[in-house]
Amino acid sequence: MRVLSEKFRRLRQLFGYSQEYVAFNIGITQPAYCKWESGQTSPSIDKLQDLAKLYQVTVGELLNDNDLEMIKKLMADEHFAEKLLGMGPVS
């Protein structure tokens, strides 16, 4: 569970999101999300799907131990910076 909690934190920081923003957008409270990042609890499959959609990755990529491949995919997206800045379409 520790690897997954670290991934949640890294993705949130990569996208420049606050815990409050992520929690609001996936329909949970900030304290509940904070427990995911600290490894105290883990999300349901429904909430994993919501997180994957928010971060524009698959659930499989969220659960995969290889963060490097997921980051490469995001960085290879020519519109990634625009998405991060809210200037382009989000797929």
PDB file of N, CA and C in Angstrom:
ATOM      1  N   MET A   1       0.835  -1.201   0.000  1.00  0.00           N
ATOM      2  CA  MET A   1       0.000   0.000   0.000  1.00  0.00           C
ATOM      3  C   MET A   1       0.873   1.256   0.000  1.00  0.00           C
ATOM      4  N   ARG A   2       2.081   1.155   0.527  1.00  0.00           N
ATOM      5  CA  ARG A   2       2.965   2.318   0.601  1.00  0.00           C
ATOM      6  C   ARG A   2       3.329   2.837  -0.790  1.00  0.00           C
ATOM      7  N   VAL A   3       3.606   1.928  -1.724  1.00  0.00           N
ATOM      8  CA  VAL A   3       3.961   2.335  -3.079  1.00  0.00           C
ATOM      9  C   VAL A   3       2.803   3.113  -3.707  1.00  0.00           C
ATOM     10  N   LEU A   4       1.597   2.630  -3.531  1.00  0.00           N
ATOM     11  CA  LEU A   4       0.424   3.298  -4.103  1.00  0.00           C
ATOM     12  C   LEU A   4       0.221   4.673  -3.471  1.00  0.00           C
ATOM     13  N   SER A   5       0.396   4.776  -2.169  1.00  0.00           N
ATOM     14  CA  SER A   5       0.212   6.073  -1.509  1.00  0.00           C
ATOM     15  C   SER A   5       1.246   7.082  -1.996  1.00  0.00           C
ATOM     16  N   GLU A   6       2.468   6.633  -2.206  1.00  0.00           N
ATOM     17  CA  GLU A   6       3.504   7.521  -2.743  1.00  0.00           C
ATOM     18  C   GLU A   6       3.169   7.960  -4.168  1.00  0.00           C
ATOM     19  N   LYS A   7       2.617   7.051  -4.941  1.00  0.00           N
ATOM     20  CA  LYS A   7       2.229   7.385  -6.316  1.00  0.00           C
ATOM     21  C   LYS A   7       1.136   8.452  -6.309  1.00  0.00           C
ATOM     22  N   PHE A   8       0.167   8.320  -5.417  1.00  0.00           N
ATOM     23  CA  PHE A   8      -0.888   9.331  -5.312  1.00  0.00           C
ATOM     24  C   PHE A   8      -0.282  10.705  -5.032  1.00  0.00           C
ATOM     25  N   ARG A   9       0.654  10.753  -4.098  1.00  0.00           N
ATOM     26  CA  ARG A   9       1.284  12.023  -3.733  1.00  0.00           C
ATOM     27  C   ARG A   9       2.079  12.598  -4.908  1.00  0.00           C
ATOM     28  N   ARG A  10       2.872  11.751  -5.563  1.00  0.00           N
ATOM     29  CA  ARG A  10       3.701  12.225  -6.682  1.00  0.00           C
ATOM     30  C   ARG A  10       2.841  12.735  -7.840  1.00  0.00           C
ATOM     31  N   LEU A  11       1.792  12.009  -8.173  1.00  0.00           N
ATOM     32  CA  LEU A  11       0.913  12.458  -9.254  1.00  0.00           C
ATOM     33  C   LEU A  11       0.239  13.779  -8.905  1.00  0.00           C
ATOM     34  N   ARG A  12      -0.241  13.877  -7.695  1.00  0.00           N
ATOM     35  CA  ARG A  12      -0.907  15.108  -7.268  1.00  0.00           C
ATOM     36  C   ARG A  12       0.057  16.291  -7.379  1.00  0.00           C
ATOM     37  N   GLN A  13       1.285  16.092  -6.942  1.00  0.00           N
ATOM     38  CA  GLN A  13       2.269  17.168  -7.019  1.00  0.00           C
ATOM     39  C   GLN A  13       2.654  17.471  -8.465  1.00  0.00           C
ATOM     40  N   LEU A  14       2.796  16.435  -9.285  1.00  0.00           N
ATOM     41  CA  LEU A  14       3.128  16.627 -10.695  1.00  0.00           C
ATOM     42  C   LEU A  14       2.089  17.502 -11.386  1.00  0.00           C
ATOM     43  N   PHE A  15       0.840  17.264 -11.073  1.00  0.00           N
ATOM     44  CA  PHE A  15      -0.245  18.030 -11.678  1.00  0.00           C
ATOM     45  C   PHE A  15      -0.472  19.375 -10.982  1.00  0.00           C
ATOM     46  N   GLY A  16       0.179  19.577  -9.842  1.00  0.00           N
ATOM     47  CA  GLY A  16       0.024  20.833  -9.121  1.00  0.00           C
ATOM     48  C   GLY A  16      -1.293  20.949  -8.376  1.00  0.00           C
ATOM     49  N   TYR A  17      -1.876  19.813  -8.023  1.00  0.00           N
ATOM     50  CA  TYR A  17      -3.160  19.803  -7.333  1.00  0.00           C
ATOM     51  C   TYR A  17      -2.955  19.769  -5.822  1.00  0.00           C
ATOM     52  N   SER A  18      -3.887  20.369  -5.102  1.00  0.00           N
ATOM     53  CA  SER A  18      -3.914  20.240  -3.649  1.00  0.00           C
ATOM     54  C   SER A  18      -4.692  18.978  -3.286  1.00  0.00           C
ATOM     55  N   GLN A  19      -4.527  18.532  -2.058  1.00  0.00           N
ATOM     56  CA  GLN A  19      -5.324  17.386  -1.601  1.00  0.00           C
ATOM     57  C   GLN A  19      -6.807  17.725  -1.650  1.00  0.00           C
ATOM     58  N   GLU A  20      -7.133  18.954  -1.319  1.00  0.00           N
ATOM     59  CA  GLU A  20      -8.531  19.375  -1.340  1.00  0.00           C
ATOM     60  C   GLU A  20      -9.107  19.294  -2.748  1.00  0.00           C
ATOM     61  N   TYR A  21      -8.314  19.714  -3.738  1.00  0.00           N
ATOM     62  CA  TYR A  21      -8.774  19.690  -5.125  1.00  0.00           C
ATOM     63  C   TYR A  21      -9.042  18.260  -5.580  1.00  0.00           C
ATOM     64  N   VAL A  22      -8.103  17.366  -5.303  1.00  0.00           N
ATOM     65  CA  VAL A  22      -8.276  15.969  -5.708  1.00  0.00           C
ATOM     66  C   VAL A  22      -9.500  15.378  -5.021  1.00  0.00           C
ATOM     67  N   ALA A  23      -9.588  15.574  -3.723  1.00  0.00           N
ATOM     68  CA  ALA A  23     -10.707  15.021  -2.964  1.00  0.00           C
ATOM     69  C   ALA A  23     -12.044  15.513  -3.509  1.00  0.00           C
ATOM     70  N   PHE A  24     -12.157  16.801  -3.742  1.00  0.00           N
ATOM     71  CA  PHE A  24     -13.397  17.374  -4.261  1.00  0.00           C
ATOM     72  C   PHE A  24     -13.753  16.761  -5.612  1.00  0.00           C
ATOM     73  N   ASN A  25     -12.770  16.632  -6.491  1.00  0.00           N
ATOM     74  CA  ASN A  25     -13.022  16.150  -7.849  1.00  0.00           C
ATOM     75  C   ASN A  25     -13.339  14.667  -7.933  1.00  0.00           C
ATOM     76  N   ILE A  26     -13.007  13.914  -6.904  1.00  0.00           N
ATOM     77  CA  ILE A  26     -13.371  12.490  -6.918  1.00  0.00           C
ATOM     78  C   ILE A  26     -14.466  12.172  -5.909  1.00  0.00           C
ATOM     79  N   GLY A  27     -14.980  13.205  -5.252  1.00  0.00           N
ATOM     80  CA  GLY A  27     -16.152  13.031  -4.394  1.00  0.00           C
ATOM     81  C   GLY A  27     -15.899  12.455  -3.021  1.00  0.00           C
ATOM     82  N   ILE A  28     -14.750  12.815  -2.424  1.00  0.00           N
ATOM     83  CA  ILE A  28     -14.480  12.391  -1.047  1.00  0.00           C
ATOM     84  C   ILE A  28     -14.005  13.604  -0.254  1.00  0.00           C
ATOM     85  N   THR A  29     -13.801  13.425   1.028  1.00  0.00           N
ATOM     86  CA  THR A  29     -13.290  14.519   1.855  1.00  0.00           C
ATOM     87  C   THR A  29     -11.766  14.561   1.793  1.00  0.00           C
ATOM     88  N   GLN A  30     -11.216  15.716   2.111  1.00  0.00           N
ATOM     89  CA  GLN A  30      -9.762  15.854   2.132  1.00  0.00           C
ATOM     90  C   GLN A  30      -9.133  14.945   3.183  1.00  0.00           C
ATOM     91  N   PRO A  31      -9.707  14.820   4.392  1.00  0.00           N
ATOM     92  CA  PRO A  31      -9.103  13.889   5.356  1.00  0.00           C
ATOM     93  C   PRO A  31      -9.090  12.439   4.861  1.00  0.00           C
ATOM     94  N   ALA A  32     -10.124  12.034   4.125  1.00  0.00           N
ATOM     95  CA  ALA A  32     -10.151  10.674   3.575  1.00  0.00           C
ATOM     96  C   ALA A  32      -9.042  10.505   2.545  1.00  0.00           C
ATOM     97  N   TYR A  33      -8.873  11.517   1.684  1.00  0.00           N
ATOM     98  CA  TYR A  33      -7.806  11.445   0.685  1.00  0.00           C
ATOM     99  C   TYR A  33      -6.437  11.442   1.365  1.00  0.00           C
ATOM    100  N   CYS A  34      -6.275  12.252   2.378  1.00  0.00           N
ATOM    101  CA  CYS A  34      -5.013  12.318   3.117  1.00  0.00           C
ATOM    102  C   CYS A  34      -4.617  10.932   3.651  1.00  0.00           C
ATOM    103  N   LYS A  35      -5.593  10.168   4.078  1.00  0.00           N
ATOM    104  CA  LYS A  35      -5.319   8.802   4.570  1.00  0.00           C
ATOM    105  C   LYS A  35      -4.808   7.912   3.446  1.00  0.00           C
ATOM    106  N   TRP A  36      -5.251   8.138   2.224  1.00  0.00           N
ATOM    107  CA  TRP A  36      -4.729   7.358   1.092  1.00  0.00           C
ATOM    108  C   TRP A  36      -3.265   7.685   0.876  1.00  0.00           C
ATOM    109  N   GLU A  37      -2.931   8.984   0.902  1.00  0.00           N
ATOM    110  CA  GLU A  37      -1.542   9.391   0.670  1.00  0.00           C
ATOM    111  C   GLU A  37      -0.619   8.947   1.794  1.00  0.00           C
ATOM    112  N   SER A  38      -1.145   8.821   2.994  1.00  0.00           N
ATOM    113  CA  SER A  38      -0.302   8.392   4.120  1.00  0.00           C
ATOM    114  C   SER A  38      -0.242   6.872   4.234  1.00  0.00           C
ATOM    115  N   GLY A  39      -1.026   6.180   3.415  1.00  0.00           N
ATOM    116  CA  GLY A  39      -1.011   4.724   3.438  1.00  0.00           C
ATOM    117  C   GLY A  39      -1.865   4.106   4.532  1.00  0.00           C
ATOM    118  N   GLN A  40      -2.664   4.908   5.213  1.00  0.00           N
ATOM    119  CA  GLN A  40      -3.521   4.395   6.279  1.00  0.00           C
ATOM    120  C   GLN A  40      -4.706   3.602   5.737  1.00  0.00           C
ATOM    121  N   THR A  41      -5.224   4.054   4.602  1.00  0.00           N
ATOM    122  CA  THR A  41      -6.333   3.355   3.946  1.00  0.00           C
ATOM    123  C   THR A  41      -6.066   3.361   2.446  1.00  0.00           C
ATOM    124  N   SER A  42      -6.869   2.625   1.704  1.00  0.00           N
ATOM    125  CA  SER A  42      -6.733   2.623   0.247  1.00  0.00           C
ATOM    126  C   SER A  42      -8.113   2.813  -0.388  1.00  0.00           C
ATOM    127  N   PRO A  43      -8.131   3.329  -1.600  1.00  0.00           N
ATOM    128  CA  PRO A  43      -9.402   3.624  -2.259  1.00  0.00           C
ATOM    129  C   PRO A  43     -10.099   2.380  -2.798  1.00  0.00           C
ATOM    130  N   SER A  44     -11.396   2.505  -2.968  1.00  0.00           N
ATOM    131  CA  SER A  44     -12.175   1.468  -3.634  1.00  0.00           C
ATOM    132  C   SER A  44     -11.855   1.500  -5.126  1.00  0.00           C
ATOM    133  N   ILE A  45     -12.257   0.489  -5.847  1.00  0.00           N
ATOM    134  CA  ILE A  45     -12.014   0.447  -7.293  1.00  0.00           C
ATOM    135  C   ILE A  45     -12.714   1.616  -7.987  1.00  0.00           C
ATOM    136  N   ASP A  46     -13.875   2.011  -7.513  1.00  0.00           N
ATOM    137  CA  ASP A  46     -14.576   3.163  -8.099  1.00  0.00           C
ATOM    138  C   ASP A  46     -13.758   4.440  -7.959  1.00  0.00           C
ATOM    139  N   LYS A  47     -13.165   4.623  -6.800  1.00  0.00           N
ATOM    140  CA  LYS A  47     -12.370   5.828  -6.573  1.00  0.00           C
ATOM    141  C   LYS A  47     -11.037   5.751  -7.317  1.00  0.00           C
ATOM    142  N   LEU A  48     -10.494   4.549  -7.484  1.00  0.00           N
ATOM    143  CA  LEU A  48      -9.303   4.401  -8.324  1.00  0.00           C
ATOM    144  C   LEU A  48      -9.613   4.830  -9.755  1.00  0.00           C
ATOM    145  N   GLN A  49     -10.790   4.458 -10.232  1.00  0.00           N
ATOM    146  CA  GLN A  49     -11.199   4.863 -11.578  1.00  0.00           C
ATOM    147  C   GLN A  49     -11.332   6.382 -11.668  1.00  0.00           C
ATOM    148  N   ASP A  50     -11.875   6.998 -10.628  1.00  0.00           N
ATOM    149  CA  ASP A  50     -11.995   8.456 -10.611  1.00  0.00           C
ATOM    150  C   ASP A  50     -10.617   9.122 -10.619  1.00  0.00           C
ATOM    151  N   LEU A  51      -9.685   8.573  -9.841  1.00  0.00           N
ATOM    152  CA  LEU A  51      -8.325   9.113  -9.820  1.00  0.00           C
ATOM    153  C   LEU A  51      -7.651   8.957 -11.182  1.00  0.00           C
ATOM    154  N   ALA A  52      -7.813   7.789 -11.786  1.00  0.00           N
ATOM    155  CA  ALA A  52      -7.211   7.542 -13.102  1.00  0.00           C
ATOM    156  C   ALA A  52      -7.733   8.554 -14.116  1.00  0.00           C
ATOM    157  N   LYS A  53      -9.011   8.815 -14.080  1.00  0.00           N
ATOM    158  CA  LYS A  53      -9.598   9.792 -15.008  1.00  0.00           C
ATOM    159  C   LYS A  53      -9.045  11.189 -14.742  1.00  0.00           C
ATOM    160  N   LEU A  54      -8.950  11.560 -13.489  1.00  0.00           N
ATOM    161  CA  LEU A  54      -8.423  12.869 -13.126  1.00  0.00           C
ATOM    162  C   LEU A  54      -6.991  13.054 -13.636  1.00  0.00           C
ATOM    163  N   TYR A  55      -6.185  11.992 -13.518  1.00  0.00           N
ATOM    164  CA  TYR A  55      -4.777  12.073 -13.911  1.00  0.00           C
ATOM    165  C   TYR A  55      -4.511  11.616 -15.348  1.00  0.00           C
ATOM    166  N   GLN A  56      -5.564  11.272 -16.073  1.00  0.00           N
ATOM    167  CA  GLN A  56      -5.442  10.904 -17.484  1.00  0.00           C
ATOM    168  C   GLN A  56      -4.567   9.667 -17.692  1.00  0.00           C
ATOM    169  N   VAL A  57      -4.720   8.699 -16.794  1.00  0.00           N
ATOM    170  CA  VAL A  57      -4.015   7.424 -16.895  1.00  0.00           C
ATOM    171  C   VAL A  57      -5.038   6.309 -16.711  1.00  0.00           C
ATOM    172  N   THR A  58      -4.589   5.084 -16.845  1.00  0.00           N
ATOM    173  CA  THR A  58      -5.479   3.951 -16.618  1.00  0.00           C
ATOM    174  C   THR A  58      -5.354   3.478 -15.172  1.00  0.00           C
ATOM    175  N   VAL A  59      -6.327   2.708 -14.722  1.00  0.00           N
ATOM    176  CA  VAL A  59      -6.239   2.110 -13.390  1.00  0.00           C
ATOM    177  C   VAL A  59      -5.019   1.194 -13.335  1.00  0.00           C
ATOM    178  N   GLY A  60      -4.772   0.468 -14.418  1.00  0.00           N
ATOM    179  CA  GLY A  60      -3.596  -0.397 -14.481  1.00  0.00           C
ATOM    180  C   GLY A  60      -2.308   0.378 -14.272  1.00  0.00           C
ATOM    181  N   GLU A  61      -2.224   1.558 -14.867  1.00  0.00           N
ATOM    182  CA  GLU A  61      -1.027   2.381 -14.687  1.00  0.00           C
ATOM    183  C   GLU A  61      -0.913   2.880 -13.251  1.00  0.00           C
ATOM    184  N   LEU A  62      -2.044   3.169 -12.623  1.00  0.00           N
ATOM    185  CA  LEU A  62      -2.004   3.561 -11.218  1.00  0.00           C
ATOM    186  C   LEU A  62      -1.484   2.424 -10.343  1.00  0.00           C
ATOM    187  N   LEU A  63      -1.902   1.206 -10.654  1.00  0.00           N
ATOM    188  CA  LEU A  63      -1.546   0.068  -9.814  1.00  0.00           C
ATOM    189  C   LEU A  63      -0.185  -0.532 -10.149  1.00  0.00           C
ATOM    190  N   ASN A  64       0.338  -0.224 -11.328  1.00  0.00           N
ATOM    191  CA  ASN A  64       1.628  -0.750 -11.765  1.00  0.00           C
ATOM    192  C   ASN A  64       2.750  -0.154 -10.927  1.00  0.00           C
ATOM    193  N   ASP A  65       3.736  -0.970 -10.595  1.00  0.00           N
ATOM    194  CA  ASP A  65       4.875  -0.490  -9.809  1.00  0.00           C
ATOM    195  C   ASP A  65       5.819   0.401 -10.609  1.00  0.00           C
ATOM    196  N   ASN A  66       5.708   0.395 -11.937  1.00  0.00           N
ATOM    197  CA  ASN A  66       6.642   1.131 -12.775  1.00  0.00           C
ATOM    198  C   ASN A  66       6.127   2.541 -13.058  1.00  0.00           C
ATOM    199  N   ASP A  67       6.441   3.483 -12.176  1.00  0.00           N
ATOM    200  CA  ASP A  67       6.030   4.875 -12.362  1.00  0.00           C
ATOM    201  C   ASP A  67       6.685   5.497 -13.580  1.00  0.00           C
ATOM    202  N   LEU A  68       7.884   5.068 -13.903  1.00  0.00           N
ATOM    203  CA  LEU A  68       8.620   5.663 -15.003  1.00  0.00           C
ATOM    204  C   LEU A  68       7.847   5.578 -16.315  1.00  0.00           C
ATOM    205  N   GLU A  69       7.248   4.437 -16.583  1.00  0.00           N
ATOM    206  CA  GLU A  69       6.482   4.275 -17.830  1.00  0.00           C
ATOM    207  C   GLU A  69       5.273   5.202 -17.867  1.00  0.00           C
ATOM    208  N   MET A  70       4.603   5.371 -16.730  1.00  0.00           N
ATOM    209  CA  MET A  70       3.444   6.250 -16.681  1.00  0.00           C
ATOM    210  C   MET A  70       3.869   7.701 -16.893  1.00  0.00           C
ATOM    211  N   ILE A  71       4.959   8.114 -16.270  1.00  0.00           N
ATOM    212  CA  ILE A  71       5.442   9.484 -16.427  1.00  0.00           C
ATOM    213  C   ILE A  71       5.891   9.729 -17.864  1.00  0.00           C
ATOM    214  N   LYS A  72       6.552   8.747 -18.467  1.00  0.00           N
ATOM    215  CA  LYS A  72       6.965   8.880 -19.867  1.00  0.00           C
ATOM    216  C   LYS A  72       5.750   9.079 -20.763  1.00  0.00           C
ATOM    217  N   LYS A  73       4.686   8.333 -20.490  1.00  0.00           N
ATOM    218  CA  LYS A  73       3.458   8.458 -21.286  1.00  0.00           C
ATOM    219  C   LYS A  73       2.885   9.864 -21.156  1.00  0.00           C
ATOM    220  N   LEU A  74       2.829  10.369 -19.934  1.00  0.00           N
ATOM    221  CA  LEU A  74       2.289  11.709 -19.729  1.00  0.00           C
ATOM    222  C   LEU A  74       3.159  12.763 -20.405  1.00  0.00           C
ATOM    223  N   MET A  75       4.461  12.630 -20.278  1.00  0.00           N
ATOM    224  CA  MET A  75       5.370  13.620 -20.857  1.00  0.00           C
ATOM    225  C   MET A  75       5.393  13.550 -22.387  1.00  0.00           C
ATOM    226  N   ALA A  76       5.123  12.381 -22.948  1.00  0.00           N
ATOM    227  CA  ALA A  76       5.104  12.232 -24.404  1.00  0.00           C
ATOM    228  C   ALA A  76       3.868  12.871 -25.024  1.00  0.00           C
ATOM    229  N   ASP A  77       2.859  13.116 -24.218  1.00  0.00           N
ATOM    230  CA  ASP A  77       1.639  13.748 -24.703  1.00  0.00           C
ATOM    231  C   ASP A  77       1.938  15.207 -25.011  1.00  0.00           C
ATOM    232  N   GLU A  78       1.841  15.574 -26.270  1.00  0.00           N
ATOM    233  CA  GLU A  78       2.207  16.935 -26.678  1.00  0.00           C
ATOM    234  C   GLU A  78       1.335  18.007 -26.034  1.00  0.00           C
ATOM    235  N   HIS A  79       0.196  17.611 -25.519  1.00  0.00           N
ATOM    236  CA  HIS A  79      -0.706  18.577 -24.907  1.00  0.00           C
ATOM    237  C   HIS A  79      -0.680  18.513 -23.374  1.00  0.00           C
ATOM    238  N   PHE A  80       0.282  17.760 -22.821  1.00  0.00           N
ATOM    239  CA  PHE A  80       0.335  17.573 -21.373  1.00  0.00           C
ATOM    240  C   PHE A  80       0.456  18.912 -20.638  1.00  0.00           C
ATOM    241  N   ALA A  81       1.364  19.769 -21.079  1.00  0.00           N
ATOM    242  CA  ALA A  81       1.543  21.064 -20.415  1.00  0.00           C
ATOM    243  C   ALA A  81       0.266  21.892 -20.498  1.00  0.00           C
ATOM    244  N   GLU A  82      -0.387  21.853 -21.648  1.00  0.00           N
ATOM    245  CA  GLU A  82      -1.634  22.600 -21.792  1.00  0.00           C
ATOM    246  C   GLU A  82      -2.698  22.064 -20.839  1.00  0.00           C
ATOM    247  N   LYS A  83      -2.746  20.751 -20.704  1.00  0.00           N
ATOM    248  CA  LYS A  83      -3.714  20.144 -19.785  1.00  0.00           C
ATOM    249  C   LYS A  83      -3.408  20.569 -18.358  1.00  0.00           C
ATOM    250  N   LEU A  84      -2.114  20.549 -17.985  1.00  0.00           N
ATOM    251  CA  LEU A  84      -1.732  20.930 -16.640  1.00  0.00           C
ATOM    252  C   LEU A  84      -2.102  22.379 -16.341  1.00  0.00           C
ATOM    253  N   LEU A  85      -1.980  23.229 -17.340  1.00  0.00           N
ATOM    254  CA  LEU A  85      -2.273  24.643 -17.162  1.00  0.00           C
ATOM    255  C   LEU A  85      -3.738  24.970 -17.399  1.00  0.00           C
ATOM    256  N   GLY A  86      -4.523  23.964 -17.743  1.00  0.00           N
ATOM    257  CA  GLY A  86      -5.944  24.192 -17.986  1.00  0.00           C
ATOM    258  C   GLY A  86      -6.207  24.945 -19.269  1.00  0.00           C
ATOM    259  N   MET A  87      -5.270  24.830 -20.225  1.00  0.00           N
ATOM    260  CA  MET A  87      -5.402  25.581 -21.469  1.00  0.00           C
ATOM    261  C   MET A  87      -5.820  24.718 -22.643  1.00  0.00           C
ATOM    262  N   GLY A  88      -5.872  23.418 -22.458  1.00  0.00           N
ATOM    263  CA  GLY A  88      -6.193  22.555 -23.576  1.00  0.00           C
ATOM    264  C   GLY A  88      -7.253  21.545 -23.208  1.00  0.00           C
ATOM    265  N   PRO A  89      -7.680  20.778 -24.179  1.00  0.00           N
ATOM    266  CA  PRO A  89      -8.710  19.769 -23.908  1.00  0.00           C
ATOM    267  C   PRO A  89      -8.151  18.652 -23.041  1.00  0.00           C
ATOM    268  N   VAL A  90      -8.966  18.173 -22.144  1.00  0.00           N
ATOM    269  CA  VAL A  90      -8.590  17.052 -21.300  1.00  0.00           C
ATOM    270  C   VAL A  90      -9.261  15.814 -21.868  1.00  0.00           C
ATOM    271  N   SER A  91      -8.464  14.794 -22.166  1.00  0.00           N
ATOM    272  CA  SER A  91      -9.038  13.582 -22.760  1.00  0.00           C
ATOM    273  C   SER A  91      -9.504  12.615 -21.707  1.00  0.00           C
TER     274      SER A  91
END
